Amino acid sequence: MTFSWTRVGAIFQKELRDYRRNRFVVFTMSLLPLVFIAAPMIQLFAIKVTSTSARLEPRLGLSLLFLLILPALIPSILSAYSVVGEREQGTLEPILTTPIHREEFLIGKALAALLPTLALSYLIFGIFLAAVALFAQPVVASAVFEGSHVLVQLLFTPLVAGWSIWVGIAISTRVGDVRAAQQLTIFAALPPVAVVTLMSLNVIAASLGLALGLAAFLIVIDGLAWRVLATMFDRERLITGSRAAKSTRVSPGGSRTAD
């Protein structure tokens, strides 16, 4: 059986429908963008004209850091739900017993987390740039649009999101609880953000070469993560675990009873 984008699209559409029915996901996708657009704008608009460039850069880097946390946080929440959420709903076994490749299953899940994240992250970044151009002080606006700040945002947003997605799906296949999976995924999504943080705060001297080198490294890591996850994807174990979870319930007294 050859790889089919039609089956990938079916998984993708199913994931989007599940997101719309999940109140926590809807709440997260609605509230987090407001937080991560308000925080950097307040930070930049509070800068005084008398600030020197040496004092301006750290505050500017801190403000832009908020915009890079967004593509790390949102896909970690979505991808952590991808497998363990199906198991809790009782829909994992029917999906895995269909003639679908594990690669198709994983790519469909990943795209369902990646595309909304990119759309939302770039929309928030566009609003941020427009607000800076219209309302920020000229010195601040010049610092935002000059240098590598815009390039870093555009380049690292999909790469950081990709890291979070593959880590989240890997954890989701191994953990039996949605909340535990989301907490572990958020924690595991922080390493690339930490590196970019050091660059934004000038702890690591940022340069175009360093940014491109780190981007190339993340591209390789994201590609390897997909291949490793596809190799480790154990359909039989997931089906068995899904059946066990469905056949066992917790009674009000705390004891487990079979259906």
C-alpha atoms as a PDB file:
ATOM      1  CA  MET A   1       0.000   0.000   0.000  1.00  0.00           C
ATOM      2  CA  THR A   2       1.490   3.322  -1.090  1.00  0.00           C
ATOM      3  CA  PHE A   3       1.535   6.547   0.889  1.00  0.00           C
ATOM      4  CA  SER A   4      -1.727   8.462   0.433  1.00  0.00           C
ATOM      5  CA  TRP A   5      -2.252  12.166   1.091  1.00  0.00           C
ATOM      6  CA  THR A   6      -5.990  11.453   1.029  1.00  0.00           C
ATOM      7  CA  ARG A   7      -5.683   9.383   4.192  1.00  0.00           C
ATOM      8  CA  VAL A   8      -3.436  12.072   5.699  1.00  0.00           C
ATOM      9  CA  GLY A   9      -6.139  14.626   4.906  1.00  0.00           C
ATOM     10  CA  ALA A  10      -8.763  12.464   6.595  1.00  0.00           C
ATOM     11  CA  ILE A  11      -6.718  12.341   9.806  1.00  0.00           C
ATOM     12  CA  PHE A  12      -6.084  16.088   9.533  1.00  0.00           C
ATOM     13  CA  GLN A  13      -9.775  16.923   9.171  1.00  0.00           C
ATOM     14  CA  LYS A  14     -10.730  14.611  12.025  1.00  0.00           C
ATOM     15  CA  GLU A  15      -8.194  16.316  14.297  1.00  0.00           C
ATOM     16  CA  LEU A  16      -9.591  19.766  13.502  1.00  0.00           C
ATOM     17  CA  ARG A  17     -13.111  18.544  14.326  1.00  0.00           C
ATOM     18  CA  ASP A  18     -11.851  17.136  17.631  1.00  0.00           C
ATOM     19  CA  TYR A  19     -10.191  20.473  18.451  1.00  0.00           C
ATOM     20  CA  ARG A  20     -13.462  22.312  17.950  1.00  0.00           C
ATOM     21  CA  ARG A  21     -15.223  19.930  20.354  1.00  0.00           C
ATOM     22  CA  ASN A  22     -12.523  20.187  23.023  1.00  0.00           C
ATOM     23  CA  ARG A  23     -13.227  23.149  25.326  1.00  0.00           C
ATOM     24  CA  PHE A  24      -9.692  23.222  26.719  1.00  0.00           C
ATOM     25  CA  VAL A  25      -8.188  23.461  23.237  1.00  0.00           C
ATOM     26  CA  VAL A  26     -10.652  26.176  22.178  1.00  0.00           C
ATOM     27  CA  PHE A  27      -9.931  28.123  25.375  1.00  0.00           C
ATOM     28  CA  THR A  28      -6.171  27.791  24.892  1.00  0.00           C
ATOM     29  CA  MET A  29      -6.273  28.855  21.244  1.00  0.00           C
ATOM     30  CA  SER A  30      -8.413  31.872  22.168  1.00  0.00           C
ATOM     31  CA  LEU A  31      -6.720  33.110  25.328  1.00  0.00           C
ATOM     32  CA  LEU A  32      -2.992  32.470  24.784  1.00  0.00           C
ATOM     33  CA  PRO A  33      -2.689  34.688  21.663  1.00  0.00           C
ATOM     34  CA  LEU A  34      -4.181  37.597  23.616  1.00  0.00           C
ATOM     35  CA  VAL A  35      -1.610  37.139  26.385  1.00  0.00           C
ATOM     36  CA  PHE A  36       1.320  36.789  24.013  1.00  0.00           C
ATOM     37  CA  ILE A  37       0.388  39.834  21.939  1.00  0.00           C
ATOM     38  CA  ALA A  38      -0.323  42.066  24.943  1.00  0.00           C
ATOM     39  CA  ALA A  39       2.849  41.286  26.911  1.00  0.00           C
ATOM     40  CA  PRO A  40       5.452  42.255  24.256  1.00  0.00           C
ATOM     41  CA  MET A  41       3.521  45.352  23.199  1.00  0.00           C
ATOM     42  CA  ILE A  42       3.295  46.613  26.785  1.00  0.00           C
ATOM     43  CA  GLN A  43       6.997  45.889  27.209  1.00  0.00           C
ATOM     44  CA  LEU A  44       7.993  47.875  24.108  1.00  0.00           C
ATOM     45  CA  PHE A  45       5.593  50.772  24.542  1.00  0.00           C
ATOM     46  CA  ALA A  46       6.939  51.314  28.076  1.00  0.00           C
ATOM     47  CA  ILE A  47      10.471  51.972  26.780  1.00  0.00           C
ATOM     48  CA  LYS A  48      11.479  55.608  27.119  1.00  0.00           C
ATOM     49  CA  VAL A  49      13.066  57.598  24.298  1.00  0.00           C
ATOM     50  CA  THR A  50      16.157  58.166  26.449  1.00  0.00           C
ATOM     51  CA  SER A  51      16.964  54.443  26.489  1.00  0.00           C
ATOM     52  CA  THR A  52      20.301  53.697  24.885  1.00  0.00           C
ATOM     53  CA  SER A  53      20.738  50.909  22.343  1.00  0.00           C
ATOM     54  CA  ALA A  54      22.622  48.861  24.956  1.00  0.00           C
ATOM     55  CA  ARG A  55      19.601  49.000  27.257  1.00  0.00           C
ATOM     56  CA  LEU A  56      17.084  48.703  24.450  1.00  0.00           C
ATOM     57  CA  GLU A  57      18.290  45.380  22.988  1.00  0.00           C
ATOM     58  CA  PRO A  58      17.654  43.205  26.083  1.00  0.00           C
ATOM     59  CA  ARG A  59      14.142  44.618  26.501  1.00  0.00           C
ATOM     60  CA  LEU A  60      13.491  44.208  22.801  1.00  0.00           C
ATOM     61  CA  GLY A  61      14.743  40.615  22.892  1.00  0.00           C
ATOM     62  CA  LEU A  62      12.562  39.881  25.914  1.00  0.00           C
ATOM     63  CA  SER A  63       9.507  41.275  24.146  1.00  0.00           C
ATOM     64  CA  LEU A  64      10.089  39.246  20.984  1.00  0.00           C
ATOM     65  CA  LEU A  65      10.699  36.152  23.104  1.00  0.00           C
ATOM     66  CA  PHE A  66       7.006  36.088  24.019  1.00  0.00           C
ATOM     67  CA  LEU A  67       6.181  35.665  20.339  1.00  0.00           C
ATOM     68  CA  LEU A  68       8.434  32.605  20.088  1.00  0.00           C
ATOM     69  CA  ILE A  69       6.977  30.956  23.173  1.00  0.00           C
ATOM     70  CA  LEU A  70       3.590  30.874  21.428  1.00  0.00           C
ATOM     71  CA  PRO A  71       4.619  28.412  18.644  1.00  0.00           C
ATOM     72  CA  ALA A  72       6.265  26.235  21.302  1.00  0.00           C
ATOM     73  CA  LEU A  73       3.313  26.194  23.689  1.00  0.00           C
ATOM     74  CA  ILE A  74       0.268  25.798  21.439  1.00  0.00           C
ATOM     75  CA  PRO A  75       1.469  22.754  19.425  1.00  0.00           C
ATOM     76  CA  SER A  76       2.702  21.081  22.600  1.00  0.00           C
ATOM     77  CA  ILE A  77      -0.838  21.206  23.978  1.00  0.00           C
ATOM     78  CA  LEU A  78      -2.385  20.006  20.706  1.00  0.00           C
ATOM     79  CA  SER A  79       0.111  17.225  19.979  1.00  0.00           C
ATOM     80  CA  ALA A  80       0.058  15.926  23.552  1.00  0.00           C
ATOM     81  CA  TYR A  81      -3.653  15.254  23.048  1.00  0.00           C
ATOM     82  CA  SER A  82      -3.159  13.522  19.691  1.00  0.00           C
ATOM     83  CA  VAL A  83      -2.891   9.864  20.774  1.00  0.00           C
ATOM     84  CA  VAL A  84      -3.782   9.710  24.451  1.00  0.00           C
ATOM     85  CA  GLY A  85      -6.872  11.813  23.748  1.00  0.00           C
ATOM     86  CA  GLU A  86      -8.000   9.295  21.128  1.00  0.00           C
ATOM     87  CA  ARG A  87      -7.471   6.526  23.668  1.00  0.00           C
ATOM     88  CA  GLU A  88      -9.595   8.282  26.288  1.00  0.00           C
ATOM     89  CA  GLN A  89     -12.385   8.870  23.762  1.00  0.00           C
ATOM     90  CA  GLY A  90     -12.276   5.247  22.613  1.00  0.00           C
ATOM     91  CA  THR A  91     -11.565   6.226  18.989  1.00  0.00           C
ATOM     92  CA  LEU A  92      -7.917   5.115  18.775  1.00  0.00           C
ATOM     93  CA  GLU A  93      -8.590   1.435  18.089  1.00  0.00           C
ATOM     94  CA  PRO A  94     -11.036   2.059  15.186  1.00  0.00           C
ATOM     95  CA  ILE A  95      -8.485   4.375  13.533  1.00  0.00           C
ATOM     96  CA  LEU A  96      -5.527   2.018  13.926  1.00  0.00           C
ATOM     97  CA  THR A  97      -7.470  -0.965  12.601  1.00  0.00           C
ATOM     98  CA  THR A  98      -8.064   0.853   9.303  1.00  0.00           C
ATOM     99  CA  PRO A  99      -5.602   0.414   6.399  1.00  0.00           C
ATOM    100  CA  ILE A 100      -3.558   3.484   7.210  1.00  0.00           C
ATOM    101  CA  HIS A 101       0.216   3.807   7.291  1.00  0.00           C
ATOM    102  CA  ARG A 102       1.805   4.860  10.547  1.00  0.00           C
ATOM    103  CA  GLU A 103       3.537   7.647   8.575  1.00  0.00           C
ATOM    104  CA  GLU A 104       0.158   8.871   7.320  1.00  0.00           C
ATOM    105  CA  PHE A 105      -1.267   8.791  10.828  1.00  0.00           C
ATOM    106  CA  LEU A 106       1.672  10.740  12.273  1.00  0.00           C
ATOM    107  CA  ILE A 107       1.835  13.331   9.484  1.00  0.00           C
ATOM    108  CA  GLY A 108      -1.914  13.935   9.674  1.00  0.00           C
ATOM    109  CA  LYS A 109      -1.662  14.482  13.422  1.00  0.00           C
ATOM    110  CA  ALA A 110       1.396  16.723  13.033  1.00  0.00           C
ATOM    111  CA  LEU A 111      -0.155  18.893  10.309  1.00  0.00           C
ATOM    112  CA  ALA A 112      -3.299  19.369  12.391  1.00  0.00           C
ATOM    113  CA  ALA A 113      -1.119  20.873  15.129  1.00  0.00           C
ATOM    114  CA  LEU A 114       1.340  22.699  12.860  1.00  0.00           C
ATOM    115  CA  LEU A 115      -0.878  24.600  10.424  1.00  0.00           C
ATOM    116  CA  PRO A 116      -3.171  26.283  13.000  1.00  0.00           C
ATOM    117  CA  THR A 117      -0.088  27.143  15.056  1.00  0.00           C
ATOM    118  CA  LEU A 118       1.671  28.785  12.115  1.00  0.00           C
ATOM    119  CA  ALA A 119      -1.437  30.691  11.068  1.00  0.00           C
ATOM    120  CA  LEU A 120      -1.996  31.975  14.596  1.00  0.00           C
ATOM    121  CA  SER A 121       1.674  32.752  15.305  1.00  0.00           C
ATOM    122  CA  TYR A 122       2.240  34.667  12.065  1.00  0.00           C
ATOM    123  CA  LEU A 123      -1.049  36.524  12.517  1.00  0.00           C
ATOM    124  CA  ILE A 124      -0.018  37.621  16.023  1.00  0.00           C
ATOM    125  CA  PHE A 125       3.451  38.608  14.772  1.00  0.00           C
ATOM    126  CA  GLY A 126       1.900  40.630  11.936  1.00  0.00           C
ATOM    127  CA  ILE A 127      -0.370  42.455  14.384  1.00  0.00           C
ATOM    128  CA  PHE A 128       2.637  43.110  16.613  1.00  0.00           C
ATOM    129  CA  LEU A 129       4.675  44.592  13.728  1.00  0.00           C
ATOM    130  CA  ALA A 130       1.761  46.749  12.614  1.00  0.00           C
ATOM    131  CA  ALA A 131       1.239  48.075  16.148  1.00  0.00           C
ATOM    132  CA  VAL A 132       4.956  48.815  16.512  1.00  0.00           C
ATOM    133  CA  ALA A 133       5.069  50.658  13.185  1.00  0.00           C
ATOM    134  CA  LEU A 134       2.007  52.738  14.030  1.00  0.00           C
ATOM    135  CA  PHE A 135       2.296  53.440  17.745  1.00  0.00           C
ATOM    136  CA  ALA A 136       5.804  52.684  19.061  1.00  0.00           C
ATOM    137  CA  GLN A 137       8.451  55.348  19.435  1.00  0.00           C
ATOM    138  CA  PRO A 138      10.658  55.752  16.333  1.00  0.00           C
ATOM    139  CA  VAL A 139      13.746  54.458  18.121  1.00  0.00           C
ATOM    140  CA  VAL A 140      11.905  51.306  19.189  1.00  0.00           C
ATOM    141  CA  ALA A 141      10.295  50.763  15.788  1.00  0.00           C
ATOM    142  CA  SER A 142      13.661  51.152  14.069  1.00  0.00           C
ATOM    143  CA  ALA A 143      15.246  48.595  16.402  1.00  0.00           C
ATOM    144  CA  VAL A 144      12.463  46.080  15.763  1.00  0.00           C
ATOM    145  CA  PHE A 145      12.616  46.275  11.976  1.00  0.00           C
ATOM    146  CA  GLU A 146      16.385  46.489  11.694  1.00  0.00           C
ATOM    147  CA  GLY A 147      18.734  43.595  12.282  1.00  0.00           C
ATOM    148  CA  SER A 148      17.742  39.947  12.419  1.00  0.00           C
ATOM    149  CA  HIS A 149      14.705  40.147  14.711  1.00  0.00           C
ATOM    150  CA  VAL A 150      12.099  39.676  11.976  1.00  0.00           C
ATOM    151  CA  LEU A 151      14.161  36.923  10.312  1.00  0.00           C
ATOM    152  CA  VAL A 152      14.508  35.036  13.600  1.00  0.00           C
ATOM    153  CA  GLN A 153      10.747  35.140  14.169  1.00  0.00           C
ATOM    154  CA  LEU A 154       9.870  33.997  10.651  1.00  0.00           C
ATOM    155  CA  LEU A 155      12.540  31.316  10.561  1.00  0.00           C
ATOM    156  CA  PHE A 156      12.237  29.781  14.002  1.00  0.00           C
ATOM    157  CA  THR A 157       8.452  29.786  14.396  1.00  0.00           C
ATOM    158  CA  PRO A 158       7.860  26.612  12.286  1.00  0.00           C
ATOM    159  CA  LEU A 159      11.043  24.942  13.561  1.00  0.00           C
ATOM    160  CA  VAL A 160      10.205  25.432  17.231  1.00  0.00           C
ATOM    161  CA  ALA A 161       6.639  24.302  16.520  1.00  0.00           C
ATOM    162  CA  GLY A 162       7.937  21.189  14.734  1.00  0.00           C
ATOM    163  CA  TRP A 163      10.094  20.261  17.708  1.00  0.00           C
ATOM    164  CA  SER A 164       7.137  20.643  20.090  1.00  0.00           C
ATOM    165  CA  ILE A 165       4.861  18.590  17.854  1.00  0.00           C
ATOM    166  CA  TRP A 166       7.107  15.544  17.479  1.00  0.00           C
ATOM    167  CA  VAL A 167       8.011  15.565  21.167  1.00  0.00           C
ATOM    168  CA  GLY A 168       4.331  15.907  22.050  1.00  0.00           C
ATOM    169  CA  ILE A 169       3.221  13.022  19.832  1.00  0.00           C
ATOM    170  CA  ALA A 170       6.025  10.808  21.172  1.00  0.00           C
ATOM    171  CA  ILE A 171       4.961  11.516  24.750  1.00  0.00           C
ATOM    172  CA  SER A 172       1.287  11.085  23.857  1.00  0.00           C
ATOM    173  CA  THR A 173       1.944   7.545  22.609  1.00  0.00           C
ATOM    174  CA  ARG A 174       3.588   6.589  25.905  1.00  0.00           C
ATOM    175  CA  VAL A 175       1.498   8.361  28.550  1.00  0.00           C
ATOM    176  CA  GLY A 176      -1.972   7.281  29.610  1.00  0.00           C
ATOM    177  CA  ASP A 177      -3.306  10.640  30.834  1.00  0.00           C
ATOM    178  CA  VAL A 178      -3.901  13.813  28.805  1.00  0.00           C
ATOM    179  CA  ARG A 179      -2.872  16.226  31.561  1.00  0.00           C
ATOM    180  CA  ALA A 180       0.368  14.366  32.266  1.00  0.00           C
ATOM    181  CA  ALA A 181       1.159  14.290  28.548  1.00  0.00           C
ATOM    182  CA  GLN A 182       0.570  18.045  28.196  1.00  0.00           C
ATOM    183  CA  GLN A 183       2.717  18.888  31.216  1.00  0.00           C
ATOM    184  CA  LEU A 184       5.605  16.717  30.021  1.00  0.00           C
ATOM    185  CA  THR A 185       5.347  18.083  26.488  1.00  0.00           C
ATOM    186  CA  ILE A 186       5.435  21.717  27.601  1.00  0.00           C
ATOM    187  CA  PHE A 187       8.556  20.992  29.636  1.00  0.00           C
ATOM    188  CA  ALA A 188      10.223  19.104  26.755  1.00  0.00           C
ATOM    189  CA  ALA A 189       9.433  21.926  24.289  1.00  0.00           C
ATOM    190  CA  LEU A 190      11.596  24.433  26.178  1.00  0.00           C
ATOM    191  CA  PRO A 191      15.190  23.589  25.007  1.00  0.00           C
ATOM    192  CA  PRO A 192      15.034  25.349  21.605  1.00  0.00           C
ATOM    193  CA  VAL A 193      13.217  28.279  23.200  1.00  0.00           C
ATOM    194  CA  ALA A 194      15.981  28.487  25.820  1.00  0.00           C
ATOM    195  CA  VAL A 195      18.642  28.770  23.107  1.00  0.00           C
ATOM    196  CA  VAL A 196      16.707  31.474  21.280  1.00  0.00           C
ATOM    197  CA  THR A 197      16.210  33.242  24.621  1.00  0.00           C
ATOM    198  CA  LEU A 198      19.967  33.420  25.153  1.00  0.00           C
ATOM    199  CA  MET A 199      20.333  34.831  21.650  1.00  0.00           C
ATOM    200  CA  SER A 200      17.549  37.377  22.207  1.00  0.00           C
ATOM    201  CA  LEU A 201      19.093  38.593  25.460  1.00  0.00           C
ATOM    202  CA  ASN A 202      22.576  38.773  23.881  1.00  0.00           C
ATOM    203  CA  VAL A 203      23.970  36.141  26.250  1.00  0.00           C
ATOM    204  CA  ILE A 204      24.947  34.313  23.054  1.00  0.00           C
ATOM    205  CA  ALA A 205      26.208  36.688  20.384  1.00  0.00           C
ATOM    206  CA  ALA A 206      23.551  36.484  17.685  1.00  0.00           C
ATOM    207  CA  SER A 207      24.527  36.528  14.041  1.00  0.00           C
ATOM    208  CA  LEU A 208      22.985  35.536  10.750  1.00  0.00           C
ATOM    209  CA  GLY A 209      25.338  32.577  10.472  1.00  0.00           C
ATOM    210  CA  LEU A 210      24.471  31.322  13.948  1.00  0.00           C
ATOM    211  CA  ALA A 211      20.749  31.705  13.306  1.00  0.00           C
ATOM    212  CA  LEU A 212      20.955  29.800  10.007  1.00  0.00           C
ATOM    213  CA  GLY A 213      23.142  27.110  11.592  1.00  0.00           C
ATOM    214  CA  LEU A 214      20.701  26.610  14.452  1.00  0.00           C
ATOM    215  CA  ALA A 215      17.807  26.559  11.990  1.00  0.00           C
ATOM    216  CA  ALA A 216      19.545  23.871   9.912  1.00  0.00           C
ATOM    217  CA  PHE A 217      20.157  21.857  13.089  1.00  0.00           C
ATOM    218  CA  LEU A 218      16.469  22.057  14.045  1.00  0.00           C
ATOM    219  CA  ILE A 219      15.432  21.010  10.520  1.00  0.00           C
ATOM    220  CA  VAL A 220      17.615  17.900  10.801  1.00  0.00           C
ATOM    221  CA  ILE A 221      16.335  17.156  14.317  1.00  0.00           C
ATOM    222  CA  ASP A 222      12.693  17.558  13.232  1.00  0.00           C
ATOM    223  CA  GLY A 223      13.252  15.206  10.284  1.00  0.00           C
ATOM    224  CA  LEU A 224      15.015  12.615  12.412  1.00  0.00           C
ATOM    225  CA  ALA A 225      12.340  12.868  15.098  1.00  0.00           C
ATOM    226  CA  TRP A 226       9.654  11.973  12.567  1.00  0.00           C
ATOM    227  CA  ARG A 227      11.593   8.980  11.262  1.00  0.00           C
ATOM    228  CA  VAL A 228      12.445   7.718  14.751  1.00  0.00           C
ATOM    229  CA  LEU A 229       8.873   8.156  15.937  1.00  0.00           C
ATOM    230  CA  ALA A 230       7.549   6.322  12.875  1.00  0.00           C
ATOM    231  CA  THR A 231       9.958   3.448  13.526  1.00  0.00           C
ATOM    232  CA  MET A 232       8.991   3.232  17.202  1.00  0.00           C
ATOM    233  CA  PHE A 233       5.262   3.531  16.501  1.00  0.00           C
ATOM    234  CA  ASP A 234       3.807   0.264  17.810  1.00  0.00           C
ATOM    235  CA  ARG A 235       0.303  -0.136  16.425  1.00  0.00           C
ATOM    236  CA  GLU A 236      -0.331  -3.407  18.266  1.00  0.00           C
ATOM    237  CA  ARG A 237       0.704  -1.969  21.646  1.00  0.00           C
ATOM    238  CA  LEU A 238      -1.505   1.080  21.155  1.00  0.00           C
ATOM    239  CA  ILE A 239      -4.507  -1.053  20.186  1.00  0.00           C
ATOM    240  CA  THR A 240      -3.963  -3.348  23.173  1.00  0.00           C
ATOM    241  CA  GLY A 241      -3.630  -0.369  25.487  1.00  0.00           C
ATOM    242  CA  SER A 242      -6.752   1.189  24.039  1.00  0.00           C
ATOM    243  CA  ARG A 243      -8.746  -2.000  24.654  1.00  0.00           C
ATOM    244  CA  ALA A 244      -7.446  -2.260  28.204  1.00  0.00           C
ATOM    245  CA  ALA A 245      -8.367   1.344  28.954  1.00  0.00           C
ATOM    246  CA  LYS A 246     -11.835   0.891  27.486  1.00  0.00           C
ATOM    247  CA  SER A 247     -12.552  -2.355  29.343  1.00  0.00           C
ATOM    248  CA  THR A 248     -11.516  -1.045  32.773  1.00  0.00           C
ATOM    249  CA  ARG A 249     -13.390   1.598  34.733  1.00  0.00           C
ATOM    250  CA  VAL A 250     -12.959   3.103  38.179  1.00  0.00           C
ATOM    251  CA  SER A 251     -15.913   2.636  40.516  1.00  0.00           C
ATOM    252  CA  PRO A 252     -17.007   5.400  42.962  1.00  0.00           C
ATOM    253  CA  GLY A 253     -15.316   3.517  45.819  1.00  0.00           C
ATOM    254  CA  GLY A 254     -11.985   3.568  43.967  1.00  0.00           C
ATOM    255  CA  SER A 255     -11.888  -0.086  42.866  1.00  0.00           C
ATOM    256  CA  ARG A 256     -11.483  -1.070  39.233  1.00  0.00           C
ATOM    257  CA  THR A 257     -14.237  -3.006  37.533  1.00  0.00           C
ATOM    258  CA  ALA A 258     -14.320  -4.511  34.048  1.00  0.00           C
ATOM    259  CA  ASP A 259     -17.054  -3.677  31.558  1.00  0.00           C
END
